Amino acid sequence: MSVLEGMERLQYIIDEAKQVEPLAPEHKTEENKIRGCISNLWVTGKVLEDGTMQYQHDADSHMTKGTAKVILDVVNGEHRDEVAQLTLESFQALGIRELLTMQRQVGFASLIDRVISISKAS
């Protein structure tokens, strides 16, 4: 994905949010909730038999849902060992963080931490 500019990035994030399948209510738990987000965001994930990752998510706001989708699209299907090596800086090239308020940046960092921790879980 090429890095989009300004309003194009915002529209892209909103468009991505519209493609997210709702997360089943039983997955909207405190354990799956991302801390620090302004709106509610839940992320689940698992390691498939071949060692690749599969994540799902849902959120109350389009901005949060779309941002999470862009992040999860990067890691879905990647091998767990590769995901486990990622850092917050690994996602800098996407140019999303710059669009977010400080409060949303906290949630963004928490989302990345959750994605990485799921890949490390057995």
PDB file of N, CA and C in Angstrom:
ATOM      1  N   MET A   1       0.843  -1.178   0.000  1.00  0.00           N
ATOM      2  CA  MET A   1       0.000   0.000   0.000  1.00  0.00           C
ATOM      3  C   MET A   1       0.883   1.234   0.000  1.00  0.00           C
ATOM      4  N   SER A   2       0.579   2.162  -0.870  1.00  0.00           N
ATOM      5  CA  SER A   2       1.335   3.405  -0.876  1.00  0.00           C
ATOM      6  C   SER A   2       0.797   4.313   0.228  1.00  0.00           C
ATOM      7  N   VAL A   3       1.656   5.180   0.698  1.00  0.00           N
ATOM      8  CA  VAL A   3       1.248   6.103   1.746  1.00  0.00           C
ATOM      9  C   VAL A   3       0.363   7.172   1.120  1.00  0.00           C
ATOM     10  N   LEU A   4      -0.825   7.326   1.639  1.00  0.00           N
ATOM     11  CA  LEU A   4      -1.777   8.303   1.125  1.00  0.00           C
ATOM     12  C   LEU A   4      -1.579   9.640   1.832  1.00  0.00           C
ATOM     13  N   GLU A   5      -2.057  10.694   1.219  1.00  0.00           N
ATOM     14  CA  GLU A   5      -1.893  12.029   1.779  1.00  0.00           C
ATOM     15  C   GLU A   5      -3.185  12.538   2.405  1.00  0.00           C
ATOM     16  N   GLY A   6      -3.038  13.320   3.476  1.00  0.00           N
ATOM     17  CA  GLY A   6      -4.107  14.094   4.098  1.00  0.00           C
ATOM     18  C   GLY A   6      -5.484  13.476   4.112  1.00  0.00           C
ATOM     19  N   MET A   7      -6.421  14.170   3.470  1.00  0.00           N
ATOM     20  CA  MET A   7      -7.819  13.752   3.475  1.00  0.00           C
ATOM     21  C   MET A   7      -8.013  12.406   2.780  1.00  0.00           C
ATOM     22  N   GLU A   8      -7.157  12.078   1.821  1.00  0.00           N
ATOM     23  CA  GLU A   8      -7.258  10.773   1.174  1.00  0.00           C
ATOM     24  C   GLU A   8      -7.080   9.651   2.194  1.00  0.00           C
ATOM     25  N   ARG A   9      -6.171   9.854   3.150  1.00  0.00           N
ATOM     26  CA  ARG A   9      -5.951   8.840   4.190  1.00  0.00           C
ATOM     27  C   ARG A   9      -7.189   8.681   5.054  1.00  0.00           C
ATOM     28  N   LEU A  10      -7.783   9.805   5.435  1.00  0.00           N
ATOM     29  CA  LEU A  10      -8.993   9.734   6.269  1.00  0.00           C
ATOM     30  C   LEU A  10     -10.110   9.008   5.539  1.00  0.00           C
ATOM     31  N   GLN A  11     -10.327   9.338   4.274  1.00  0.00           N
ATOM     32  CA  GLN A  11     -11.388   8.687   3.508  1.00  0.00           C
ATOM     33  C   GLN A  11     -11.098   7.203   3.342  1.00  0.00           C
ATOM     34  N   TYR A  12      -9.835   6.865   3.112  1.00  0.00           N
ATOM     35  CA  TYR A  12      -9.437   5.462   2.981  1.00  0.00           C
ATOM     36  C   TYR A  12      -9.758   4.697   4.261  1.00  0.00           C
ATOM     37  N   ILE A  13      -9.453   5.271   5.410  1.00  0.00           N
ATOM     38  CA  ILE A  13      -9.713   4.621   6.699  1.00  0.00           C
ATOM     39  C   ILE A  13     -11.204   4.401   6.899  1.00  0.00           C
ATOM     40  N   ILE A  14     -12.010   5.408   6.565  1.00  0.00           N
ATOM     41  CA  ILE A  14     -13.474   5.277   6.699  1.00  0.00           C
ATOM     42  C   ILE A  14     -13.991   4.189   5.747  1.00  0.00           C
ATOM     43  N   ASP A  15     -13.479   4.182   4.515  1.00  0.00           N
ATOM     44  CA  ASP A  15     -13.899   3.156   3.551  1.00  0.00           C
ATOM     45  C   ASP A  15     -13.521   1.756   4.031  1.00  0.00           C
ATOM     46  N   GLU A  16     -12.349   1.620   4.620  1.00  0.00           N
ATOM     47  CA  GLU A  16     -11.918   0.328   5.154  1.00  0.00           C
ATOM     48  C   GLU A  16     -12.851  -0.132   6.283  1.00  0.00           C
ATOM     49  N   ALA A  17     -13.274   0.803   7.115  1.00  0.00           N
ATOM     50  CA  ALA A  17     -14.161   0.465   8.235  1.00  0.00           C
ATOM     51  C   ALA A  17     -15.454  -0.179   7.746  1.00  0.00           C
ATOM     52  N   LYS A  18     -15.932   0.264   6.618  1.00  0.00           N
ATOM     53  CA  LYS A  18     -17.192  -0.255   6.076  1.00  0.00           C
ATOM     54  C   LYS A  18     -17.081  -1.717   5.642  1.00  0.00           C
ATOM     55  N   GLN A  19     -15.855  -2.215   5.474  1.00  0.00           N
ATOM     56  CA  GLN A  19     -15.642  -3.594   5.026  1.00  0.00           C
ATOM     57  C   GLN A  19     -15.497  -4.587   6.180  1.00  0.00           C
ATOM     58  N   VAL A  20     -15.460  -4.092   7.404  1.00  0.00           N
ATOM     59  CA  VAL A  20     -15.226  -4.953   8.571  1.00  0.00           C
ATOM     60  C   VAL A  20     -16.496  -5.714   8.927  1.00  0.00           C
ATOM     61  N   GLU A  21     -16.360  -7.022   9.027  1.00  0.00           N
ATOM     62  CA  GLU A  21     -17.466  -7.869   9.474  1.00  0.00           C
ATOM     63  C   GLU A  21     -17.629  -7.688  10.982  1.00  0.00           C
ATOM     64  N   PRO A  22     -18.864  -7.605  11.479  1.00  0.00           N
ATOM     65  CA  PRO A  22     -19.063  -7.453  12.927  1.00  0.00           C
ATOM     66  C   PRO A  22     -18.468  -8.641  13.696  1.00  0.00           C
ATOM     67  N   LEU A  23     -17.909  -8.332  14.838  1.00  0.00           N
ATOM     68  CA  LEU A  23     -17.362  -9.354  15.723  1.00  0.00           C
ATOM     69  C   LEU A  23     -18.517  -9.935  16.534  1.00  0.00           C
ATOM     70  N   ALA A  24     -18.523 -11.236  16.701  1.00  0.00           N
ATOM     71  CA  ALA A  24     -19.577 -11.893  17.470  1.00  0.00           C
ATOM     72  C   ALA A  24     -19.606 -11.328  18.890  1.00  0.00           C
ATOM     73  N   PRO A  25     -20.795 -11.133  19.455  1.00  0.00           N
ATOM     74  CA  PRO A  25     -20.914 -10.545  20.791  1.00  0.00           C
ATOM     75  C   PRO A  25     -20.086 -11.253  21.866  1.00  0.00           C
ATOM     76  N   GLU A  26     -19.923 -12.573  21.744  1.00  0.00           N
ATOM     77  CA  GLU A  26     -19.165 -13.295  22.775  1.00  0.00           C
ATOM     78  C   GLU A  26     -17.673 -12.942  22.754  1.00  0.00           C
ATOM     79  N   HIS A  27     -17.201 -12.288  21.679  1.00  0.00           N
ATOM     80  CA  HIS A  27     -15.793 -11.863  21.611  1.00  0.00           C
ATOM     81  C   HIS A  27     -15.583 -10.434  22.097  1.00  0.00           C
ATOM     82  N   LYS A  28     -16.680  -9.748  22.357  1.00  0.00           N
ATOM     83  CA  LYS A  28     -16.584  -8.365  22.856  1.00  0.00           C
ATOM     84  C   LYS A  28     -16.485  -8.398  24.387  1.00  0.00           C
ATOM     85  N   THR A  29     -15.338  -8.891  24.843  1.00  0.00           N
ATOM     86  CA  THR A  29     -15.088  -9.056  26.268  1.00  0.00           C
ATOM     87  C   THR A  29     -14.028  -8.070  26.739  1.00  0.00           C
ATOM     88  N   GLU A  30     -13.903  -7.941  28.038  1.00  0.00           N
ATOM     89  CA  GLU A  30     -12.871  -7.078  28.614  1.00  0.00           C
ATOM     90  C   GLU A  30     -11.477  -7.557  28.221  1.00  0.00           C
ATOM     91  N   GLU A  31     -11.295  -8.863  28.135  1.00  0.00           N
ATOM     92  CA  GLU A  31      -9.995  -9.422  27.765  1.00  0.00           C
ATOM     93  C   GLU A  31      -9.580  -8.993  26.357  1.00  0.00           C
ATOM     94  N   ASN A  32     -10.541  -8.885  25.453  1.00  0.00           N
ATOM     95  CA  ASN A  32     -10.261  -8.531  24.059  1.00  0.00           C
ATOM     96  C   ASN A  32     -10.316  -7.036  23.792  1.00  0.00           C
ATOM     97  N   LYS A  33     -10.699  -6.263  24.786  1.00  0.00           N
ATOM     98  CA  LYS A  33     -10.839  -4.817  24.617  1.00  0.00           C
ATOM     99  C   LYS A  33      -9.466  -4.142  24.665  1.00  0.00           C
ATOM    100  N   ILE A  34      -9.266  -3.197  23.747  1.00  0.00           N
ATOM    101  CA  ILE A  34      -8.011  -2.461  23.681  1.00  0.00           C
ATOM    102  C   ILE A  34      -8.091  -1.277  24.641  1.00  0.00           C
ATOM    103  N   ARG A  35      -7.151  -1.196  25.554  1.00  0.00           N
ATOM    104  CA  ARG A  35      -7.106  -0.113  26.542  1.00  0.00           C
ATOM    105  C   ARG A  35      -6.574   1.164  25.906  1.00  0.00           C
ATOM    106  N   GLY A  36      -7.086   2.283  26.356  1.00  0.00           N
ATOM    107  CA  GLY A  36      -6.586   3.570  25.891  1.00  0.00           C
ATOM    108  C   GLY A  36      -7.307   4.127  24.681  1.00  0.00           C
ATOM    109  N   CYS A  37      -8.210   3.360  24.088  1.00  0.00           N
ATOM    110  CA  CYS A  37      -8.969   3.857  22.939  1.00  0.00           C
ATOM    111  C   CYS A  37     -10.099   4.763  23.418  1.00  0.00           C
ATOM    112  N   ILE A  38     -10.369   5.784  22.631  1.00  0.00           N
ATOM    113  CA  ILE A  38     -11.486   6.674  22.939  1.00  0.00           C
ATOM    114  C   ILE A  38     -12.798   5.920  22.760  1.00  0.00           C
ATOM    115  N   SER A  39     -12.904   5.152  21.676  1.00  0.00           N
ATOM    116  CA  SER A  39     -14.105   4.339  21.467  1.00  0.00           C
ATOM    117  C   SER A  39     -13.760   2.885  21.768  1.00  0.00           C
ATOM    118  N   ASN A  40     -14.771   2.078  21.883  1.00  0.00           N
ATOM    119  CA  ASN A  40     -14.544   0.661  22.169  1.00  0.00           C
ATOM    120  C   ASN A  40     -13.946  -0.040  20.951  1.00  0.00           C
ATOM    121  N   LEU A  41     -12.899  -0.810  21.190  1.00  0.00           N
ATOM    122  CA  LEU A  41     -12.244  -1.607  20.157  1.00  0.00           C
ATOM    123  C   LEU A  41     -11.903  -2.955  20.767  1.00  0.00           C
ATOM    124  N   TRP A  42     -12.301  -4.010  20.059  1.00  0.00           N
ATOM    125  CA  TRP A  42     -12.002  -5.369  20.496  1.00  0.00           C
ATOM    126  C   TRP A  42     -11.200  -6.064  19.402  1.00  0.00           C
ATOM    127  N   VAL A  43     -10.182  -6.806  19.808  1.00  0.00           N
ATOM    128  CA  VAL A  43      -9.346  -7.541  18.854  1.00  0.00           C
ATOM    129  C   VAL A  43      -9.160  -8.964  19.366  1.00  0.00           C
ATOM    130  N   THR A  44      -9.418  -9.916  18.484  1.00  0.00           N
ATOM    131  CA  THR A  44      -9.148 -11.320  18.785  1.00  0.00           C
ATOM    132  C   THR A  44      -8.176 -11.832  17.733  1.00  0.00           C
ATOM    133  N   GLY A  45      -7.501 -12.896  18.063  1.00  0.00           N
ATOM    134  CA  GLY A  45      -6.578 -13.469  17.099  1.00  0.00           C
ATOM    135  C   GLY A  45      -6.182 -14.865  17.497  1.00  0.00           C
ATOM    136  N   LYS A  46      -5.645 -15.554  16.520  1.00  0.00           N
ATOM    137  CA  LYS A  46      -5.164 -16.902  16.792  1.00  0.00           C
ATOM    138  C   LYS A  46      -4.076 -17.257  15.792  1.00  0.00           C
ATOM    139  N   VAL A  47      -3.297 -18.255  16.198  1.00  0.00           N
ATOM    140  CA  VAL A  47      -2.262 -18.809  15.334  1.00  0.00           C
ATOM    141  C   VAL A  47      -2.874 -20.007  14.625  1.00  0.00           C
ATOM    142  N   LEU A  48      -2.814 -20.000  13.310  1.00  0.00           N
ATOM    143  CA  LEU A  48      -3.335 -21.118  12.537  1.00  0.00           C
ATOM    144  C   LEU A  48      -2.319 -22.258  12.526  1.00  0.00           C
ATOM    145  N   GLU A  49      -2.742 -23.413  12.050  1.00  0.00           N
ATOM    146  CA  GLU A  49      -1.879 -24.607  12.055  1.00  0.00           C
ATOM    147  C   GLU A  49      -0.551 -24.396  11.338  1.00  0.00           C
ATOM    148  N   ASP A  50      -0.554 -23.549  10.304  1.00  0.00           N
ATOM    149  CA  ASP A  50       0.683 -23.310   9.546  1.00  0.00           C
ATOM    150  C   ASP A  50       1.559 -22.215  10.171  1.00  0.00           C
ATOM    151  N   GLY A  51       1.141 -21.721  11.341  1.00  0.00           N
ATOM    152  CA  GLY A  51       1.936 -20.709  12.036  1.00  0.00           C
ATOM    153  C   GLY A  51       1.605 -19.279  11.647  1.00  0.00           C
ATOM    154  N   THR A  52       0.647 -19.110  10.750  1.00  0.00           N
ATOM    155  CA  THR A  52       0.262 -17.753  10.364  1.00  0.00           C
ATOM    156  C   THR A  52      -0.820 -17.214  11.296  1.00  0.00           C
ATOM    157  N   MET A  53      -0.939 -15.902  11.300  1.00  0.00           N
ATOM    158  CA  MET A  53      -1.865 -15.238  12.214  1.00  0.00           C
ATOM    159  C   MET A  53      -3.192 -14.924  11.531  1.00  0.00           C
ATOM    160  N   GLN A  54      -4.260 -14.972  12.339  1.00  0.00           N
ATOM    161  CA  GLN A  54      -5.577 -14.576  11.873  1.00  0.00           C
ATOM    162  C   GLN A  54      -6.199 -13.707  12.958  1.00  0.00           C
ATOM    163  N   TYR A  55      -6.494 -12.461  12.613  1.00  0.00           N
ATOM    164  CA  TYR A  55      -7.075 -11.507  13.555  1.00  0.00           C
ATOM    165  C   TYR A  55      -8.456 -11.082  13.085  1.00  0.00           C
ATOM    166  N   GLN A  56      -9.293 -10.723  14.046  1.00  0.00           N
ATOM    167  CA  GLN A  56     -10.604 -10.135  13.786  1.00  0.00           C
ATOM    168  C   GLN A  56     -10.779  -8.990  14.765  1.00  0.00           C
ATOM    169  N   HIS A  57     -11.634  -8.040  14.400  1.00  0.00           N
ATOM    170  CA  HIS A  57     -11.859  -6.903  15.298  1.00  0.00           C
ATOM    171  C   HIS A  57     -13.214  -6.267  15.026  1.00  0.00           C
ATOM    172  N   ASP A  58     -13.572  -5.389  15.933  1.00  0.00           N
ATOM    173  CA  ASP A  58     -14.766  -4.557  15.771  1.00  0.00           C
ATOM    174  C   ASP A  58     -14.579  -3.340  16.658  1.00  0.00           C
ATOM    175  N   ALA A  59     -15.256  -2.260  16.315  1.00  0.00           N
ATOM    176  CA  ALA A  59     -15.157  -1.028  17.089  1.00  0.00           C
ATOM    177  C   ALA A  59     -16.444  -0.237  16.957  1.00  0.00           C
ATOM    178  N   ASP A  60     -16.629   0.700  17.891  1.00  0.00           N
ATOM    179  CA  ASP A  60     -17.818   1.539  17.876  1.00  0.00           C
ATOM    180  C   ASP A  60     -17.734   2.669  16.851  1.00  0.00           C
ATOM    181  N   SER A  61     -16.525   3.158  16.565  1.00  0.00           N
ATOM    182  CA  SER A  61     -16.393   4.293  15.633  1.00  0.00           C
ATOM    183  C   SER A  61     -15.739   3.839  14.331  1.00  0.00           C
ATOM    184  N   HIS A  62     -16.104   4.517  13.241  1.00  0.00           N
ATOM    185  CA  HIS A  62     -15.521   4.197  11.938  1.00  0.00           C
ATOM    186  C   HIS A  62     -14.024   4.477  11.906  1.00  0.00           C
ATOM    187  N   MET A  63     -13.589   5.549  12.531  1.00  0.00           N
ATOM    188  CA  MET A  63     -12.158   5.888  12.530  1.00  0.00           C
ATOM    189  C   MET A  63     -11.355   4.777  13.212  1.00  0.00           C
ATOM    190  N   THR A  64     -11.831   4.338  14.362  1.00  0.00           N
ATOM    191  CA  THR A  64     -11.144   3.277  15.096  1.00  0.00           C
ATOM    192  C   THR A  64     -11.205   1.960  14.334  1.00  0.00           C
ATOM    193  N   LYS A  65     -12.362   1.628  13.822  1.00  0.00           N
ATOM    194  CA  LYS A  65     -12.540   0.373  13.087  1.00  0.00           C
ATOM    195  C   LYS A  65     -11.667   0.348  11.835  1.00  0.00           C
ATOM    196  N   GLY A  66     -11.622   1.452  11.105  1.00  0.00           N
ATOM    197  CA  GLY A  66     -10.820   1.527   9.886  1.00  0.00           C
ATOM    198  C   GLY A  66      -9.330   1.494  10.164  1.00  0.00           C
ATOM    199  N   THR A  67      -8.911   2.215  11.204  1.00  0.00           N
ATOM    200  CA  THR A  67      -7.504   2.207  11.580  1.00  0.00           C
ATOM    201  C   THR A  67      -7.066   0.800  11.957  1.00  0.00           C
ATOM    202  N   ALA A  68      -7.876   0.123  12.763  1.00  0.00           N
ATOM    203  CA  ALA A  68      -7.559  -1.246  13.167  1.00  0.00           C
ATOM    204  C   ALA A  68      -7.514  -2.170  11.959  1.00  0.00           C
ATOM    205  N   LYS A  69      -8.412  -1.988  11.003  1.00  0.00           N
ATOM    206  CA  LYS A  69      -8.420  -2.851   9.813  1.00  0.00           C
ATOM    207  C   LYS A  69      -7.130  -2.689   9.019  1.00  0.00           C
ATOM    208  N   VAL A  70      -6.669  -1.454   8.845  1.00  0.00           N
ATOM    209  CA  VAL A  70      -5.431  -1.225   8.103  1.00  0.00           C
ATOM    210  C   VAL A  70      -4.269  -1.948   8.793  1.00  0.00           C
ATOM    211  N   ILE A  71      -4.205  -1.830  10.114  1.00  0.00           N
ATOM    212  CA  ILE A  71      -3.140  -2.497  10.882  1.00  0.00           C
ATOM    213  C   ILE A  71      -3.254  -4.013  10.754  1.00  0.00           C
ATOM    214  N   LEU A  72      -4.451  -4.528  10.950  1.00  0.00           N
ATOM    215  CA  LEU A  72      -4.633  -5.987  10.923  1.00  0.00           C
ATOM    216  C   LEU A  72      -4.458  -6.569   9.524  1.00  0.00           C
ATOM    217  N   ASP A  73      -4.743  -5.778   8.484  1.00  0.00           N
ATOM    218  CA  ASP A  73      -4.489  -6.250   7.124  1.00  0.00           C
ATOM    219  C   ASP A  73      -2.992  -6.492   6.901  1.00  0.00           C
ATOM    220  N   VAL A  74      -2.164  -5.721   7.569  1.00  0.00           N
ATOM    221  CA  VAL A  74      -0.714  -5.881   7.450  1.00  0.00           C
ATOM    222  C   VAL A  74      -0.260  -7.199   8.068  1.00  0.00           C
ATOM    223  N   VAL A  75      -0.856  -7.587   9.186  1.00  0.00           N
ATOM    224  CA  VAL A  75      -0.385  -8.762   9.926  1.00  0.00           C
ATOM    225  C   VAL A  75      -1.172 -10.040   9.673  1.00  0.00           C
ATOM    226  N   ASN A  76      -2.401  -9.935   9.190  1.00  0.00           N
ATOM    227  CA  ASN A  76      -3.176 -11.141   8.887  1.00  0.00           C
ATOM    228  C   ASN A  76      -2.459 -11.962   7.824  1.00  0.00           C
ATOM    229  N   GLY A  77      -2.288 -13.244   8.098  1.00  0.00           N
ATOM    230  CA  GLY A  77      -1.631 -14.135   7.160  1.00  0.00           C
ATOM    231  C   GLY A  77      -0.118 -14.175   7.282  1.00  0.00           C
ATOM    232  N   GLU A  78       0.444 -13.314   8.110  1.00  0.00           N
ATOM    233  CA  GLU A  78       1.891 -13.329   8.329  1.00  0.00           C
ATOM    234  C   GLU A  78       2.239 -14.398   9.366  1.00  0.00           C
ATOM    235  N   HIS A  79       3.451 -14.908   9.304  1.00  0.00           N
ATOM    236  CA  HIS A  79       3.876 -15.917  10.263  1.00  0.00           C
ATOM    237  C   HIS A  79       4.014 -15.284  11.640  1.00  0.00           C
ATOM    238  N   ARG A  80       3.637 -16.033  12.653  1.00  0.00           N
ATOM    239  CA  ARG A  80       3.654 -15.519  14.031  1.00  0.00           C
ATOM    240  C   ARG A  80       5.025 -15.000  14.440  1.00  0.00           C
ATOM    241  N   ASP A  81       6.107 -15.627  13.974  1.00  0.00           N
ATOM    242  CA  ASP A  81       7.447 -15.176  14.331  1.00  0.00           C
ATOM    243  C   ASP A  81       7.743 -13.785  13.781  1.00  0.00           C
ATOM    244  N   GLU A  82       7.240 -13.504  12.578  1.00  0.00           N
ATOM    245  CA  GLU A  82       7.425 -12.176  11.990  1.00  0.00           C
ATOM    246  C   GLU A  82       6.623 -11.129  12.753  1.00  0.00           C
ATOM    247  N   VAL A  83       5.386 -11.455  13.099  1.00  0.00           N
ATOM    248  CA  VAL A  83       4.540 -10.514  13.839  1.00  0.00           C
ATOM    249  C   VAL A  83       5.145 -10.236  15.215  1.00  0.00           C
ATOM    250  N   ALA A  84       5.680 -11.263  15.841  1.00  0.00           N
ATOM    251  CA  ALA A  84       6.265 -11.120  17.178  1.00  0.00           C
ATOM    252  C   ALA A  84       7.453 -10.160  17.186  1.00  0.00           C
ATOM    253  N   GLN A  85       8.103  -9.971  16.048  1.00  0.00           N
ATOM    254  CA  GLN A  85       9.264  -9.089  15.952  1.00  0.00           C
ATOM    255  C   GLN A  85       8.898  -7.637  15.655  1.00  0.00           C
ATOM    256  N   LEU A  86       7.634  -7.365  15.375  1.00  0.00           N
ATOM    257  CA  LEU A  86       7.216  -6.009  15.029  1.00  0.00           C
ATOM    258  C   LEU A  86       7.261  -5.080  16.238  1.00  0.00           C
ATOM    259  N   THR A  87       7.350  -3.792  15.956  1.00  0.00           N
ATOM    260  CA  THR A  87       7.289  -2.748  16.982  1.00  0.00           C
ATOM    261  C   THR A  87       6.338  -1.661  16.497  1.00  0.00           C
ATOM    262  N   LEU A  88       6.056  -0.714  17.336  1.00  0.00           N
ATOM    263  CA  LEU A  88       5.212   0.415  16.962  1.00  0.00           C
ATOM    264  C   LEU A  88       5.794   1.127  15.741  1.00  0.00           C
ATOM    265  N   GLU A  89       7.098   1.238  15.680  1.00  0.00           N
ATOM    266  CA  GLU A  89       7.760   1.909  14.559  1.00  0.00           C
ATOM    267  C   GLU A  89       7.580   1.154  13.245  1.00  0.00           C
ATOM    268  N   SER A  90       7.311  -0.141  13.321  1.00  0.00           N
ATOM    269  CA  SER A  90       7.112  -0.934  12.107  1.00  0.00           C
ATOM    270  C   SER A  90       5.917  -0.432  11.293  1.00  0.00           C
ATOM    271  N   PHE A  91       5.003   0.269  11.934  1.00  0.00           N
ATOM    272  CA  PHE A  91       3.783   0.722  11.278  1.00  0.00           C
ATOM    273  C   PHE A  91       3.835   2.204  10.899  1.00  0.00           C
ATOM    274  N   GLN A  92       4.968   2.838  11.133  1.00  0.00           N
ATOM    275  CA  GLN A  92       5.112   4.271  10.885  1.00  0.00           C
ATOM    276  C   GLN A  92       4.887   4.637   9.413  1.00  0.00           C
ATOM    277  N   ALA A  93       5.349   3.792   8.504  1.00  0.00           N
ATOM    278  CA  ALA A  93       5.242   4.083   7.074  1.00  0.00           C
ATOM    279  C   ALA A  93       3.798   4.188   6.593  1.00  0.00           C
ATOM    280  N   LEU A  94       2.861   3.636   7.344  1.00  0.00           N
ATOM    281  CA  LEU A  94       1.456   3.720   6.950  1.00  0.00           C
ATOM    282  C   LEU A  94       0.933   5.152   7.031  1.00  0.00           C
ATOM    283  N   GLY A  95       1.568   5.976   7.868  1.00  0.00           N
ATOM    284  CA  GLY A  95       1.159   7.371   7.986  1.00  0.00           C
ATOM    285  C   GLY A  95      -0.140   7.590   8.726  1.00  0.00           C
ATOM    286  N   ILE A  96      -0.570   6.613   9.489  1.00  0.00           N
ATOM    287  CA  ILE A  96      -1.840   6.725  10.220  1.00  0.00           C
ATOM    288  C   ILE A  96      -1.660   7.490  11.517  1.00  0.00           C
ATOM    289  N   ARG A  97      -0.598   7.217  12.210  1.00  0.00           N
ATOM    290  CA  ARG A  97      -0.403   7.792  13.538  1.00  0.00           C
ATOM    291  C   ARG A  97      -0.487   9.314  13.520  1.00  0.00           C
ATOM    292  N   GLU A  98       0.013   9.928  12.453  1.00  0.00           N
ATOM    293  CA  GLU A  98       0.009  11.381  12.338  1.00  0.00           C
ATOM    294  C   GLU A  98      -1.399  11.960  12.247  1.00  0.00           C
ATOM    295  N   LEU A  99      -2.361  11.139  11.848  1.00  0.00           N
ATOM    296  CA  LEU A  99      -3.745  11.595  11.723  1.00  0.00           C
ATOM    297  C   LEU A  99      -4.488  11.569  13.062  1.00  0.00           C
ATOM    298  N   LEU A 100      -3.892  10.943  14.046  1.00  0.00           N
ATOM    299  CA  LEU A 100      -4.598  10.679  15.293  1.00  0.00           C
ATOM    300  C   LEU A 100      -4.275  11.701  16.367  1.00  0.00           C
ATOM    301  N   THR A 101      -5.280  11.992  17.203  1.00  0.00           N
ATOM    302  CA  THR A 101      -5.056  12.826  18.375  1.00  0.00           C
ATOM    303  C   THR A 101      -4.168  12.059  19.345  1.00  0.00           C
ATOM    304  N   MET A 102      -3.629  12.754  20.326  1.00  0.00           N
ATOM    305  CA  MET A 102      -2.764  12.084  21.307  1.00  0.00           C
ATOM    306  C   MET A 102      -3.500  10.923  21.980  1.00  0.00           C
ATOM    307  N   GLN A 103      -4.768  11.125  22.345  1.00  0.00           N
ATOM    308  CA  GLN A 103      -5.537  10.058  22.992  1.00  0.00           C
ATOM    309  C   GLN A 103      -5.676   8.856  22.070  1.00  0.00           C
ATOM    310  N   ARG A 104      -5.952   9.106  20.798  1.00  0.00           N
ATOM    311  CA  ARG A 104      -6.080   8.001  19.841  1.00  0.00           C
ATOM    312  C   ARG A 104      -4.735   7.329  19.601  1.00  0.00           C
ATOM    313  N   GLN A 105      -3.638   8.081  19.712  1.00  0.00           N
ATOM    314  CA  GLN A 105      -2.316   7.476  19.557  1.00  0.00           C
ATOM    315  C   GLN A 105      -2.032   6.473  20.673  1.00  0.00           C
ATOM    316  N   VAL A 106      -2.552   6.721  21.861  1.00  0.00           N
ATOM    317  CA  VAL A 106      -2.415   5.773  22.974  1.00  0.00           C
ATOM    318  C   VAL A 106      -3.120   4.465  22.607  1.00  0.00           C
ATOM    319  N   GLY A 107      -4.329   4.579  22.086  1.00  0.00           N
ATOM    320  CA  GLY A 107      -5.068   3.395  21.658  1.00  0.00           C
ATOM    321  C   GLY A 107      -4.378   2.666  20.520  1.00  0.00           C
ATOM    322  N   PHE A 108      -3.804   3.430  19.587  1.00  0.00           N
ATOM    323  CA  PHE A 108      -3.053   2.864  18.465  1.00  0.00           C
ATOM    324  C   PHE A 108      -1.897   2.014  18.979  1.00  0.00           C
ATOM    325  N   ALA A 109      -1.156   2.551  19.933  1.00  0.00           N
ATOM    326  CA  ALA A 109      -0.026   1.813  20.526  1.00  0.00           C
ATOM    327  C   ALA A 109      -0.518   0.567  21.252  1.00  0.00           C
ATOM    328  N   SER A 110      -1.651   0.672  21.949  1.00  0.00           N
ATOM    329  CA  SER A 110      -2.219  -0.483  22.652  1.00  0.00           C
ATOM    330  C   SER A 110      -2.661  -1.561  21.666  1.00  0.00           C
ATOM    331  N   LEU A 111      -3.196  -1.143  20.527  1.00  0.00           N
ATOM    332  CA  LEU A 111      -3.595  -2.089  19.484  1.00  0.00           C
ATOM    333  C   LEU A 111      -2.377  -2.861  18.974  1.00  0.00           C
ATOM    334  N   ILE A 112      -1.303  -2.151  18.686  1.00  0.00           N
ATOM    335  CA  ILE A 112      -0.083  -2.800  18.201  1.00  0.00           C
ATOM    336  C   ILE A 112       0.441  -3.782  19.257  1.00  0.00           C
ATOM    337  N   ASP A 113       0.448  -3.362  20.519  1.00  0.00           N
ATOM    338  CA  ASP A 113       0.895  -4.246  21.604  1.00  0.00           C
ATOM    339  C   ASP A 113       0.052  -5.520  21.656  1.00  0.00           C
ATOM    340  N   ARG A 114      -1.255  -5.368  21.498  1.00  0.00           N
ATOM    341  CA  ARG A 114      -2.167  -6.521  21.544  1.00  0.00           C
ATOM    342  C   ARG A 114      -1.887  -7.482  20.381  1.00  0.00           C
ATOM    343  N   VAL A 115      -1.721  -6.927  19.185  1.00  0.00           N
ATOM    344  CA  VAL A 115      -1.440  -7.738  17.996  1.00  0.00           C
ATOM    345  C   VAL A 115      -0.173  -8.573  18.215  1.00  0.00           C
ATOM    346  N   ILE A 116       0.860  -7.925  18.735  1.00  0.00           N
ATOM    347  CA  ILE A 116       2.131  -8.604  18.963  1.00  0.00           C
ATOM    348  C   ILE A 116       1.985  -9.658  20.062  1.00  0.00           C
ATOM    349  N   SER A 117       1.280  -9.307  21.144  1.00  0.00           N
ATOM    350  CA  SER A 117       1.149 -10.260  22.252  1.00  0.00           C
ATOM    351  C   SER A 117       0.348 -11.495  21.840  1.00  0.00           C
ATOM    352  N   ILE A 118      -0.654 -11.338  20.990  1.00  0.00           N
ATOM    353  CA  ILE A 118      -1.421 -12.492  20.511  1.00  0.00           C
ATOM    354  C   ILE A 118      -0.498 -13.433  19.728  1.00  0.00           C
ATOM    355  N   SER A 119       0.420 -12.865  18.950  1.00  0.00           N
ATOM    356  CA  SER A 119       1.328 -13.707  18.149  1.00  0.00           C
ATOM    357  C   SER A 119       2.293 -14.495  19.023  1.00  0.00           C
ATOM    358  N   LYS A 120       2.571 -13.976  20.216  1.00  0.00           N
ATOM    359  CA  LYS A 120       3.512 -14.632  21.120  1.00  0.00           C
ATOM    360  C   LYS A 120       2.841 -15.662  22.031  1.00  0.00           C
ATOM    361  N   ALA A 121       1.518 -15.601  22.126  1.00  0.00           N
ATOM    362  CA  ALA A 121       0.782 -16.537  22.983  1.00  0.00           C
ATOM    363  C   ALA A 121       0.786 -17.925  22.354  1.00  0.00           C
ATOM    364  N   SER A 122       0.769 -18.923  23.191  1.00  0.00           N
ATOM    365  CA  SER A 122       0.774 -20.284  22.618  1.00  0.00           C
ATOM    366  C   SER A 122      -0.596 -20.873  22.534  1.00  0.00           C
TER     367      SER A 122
END
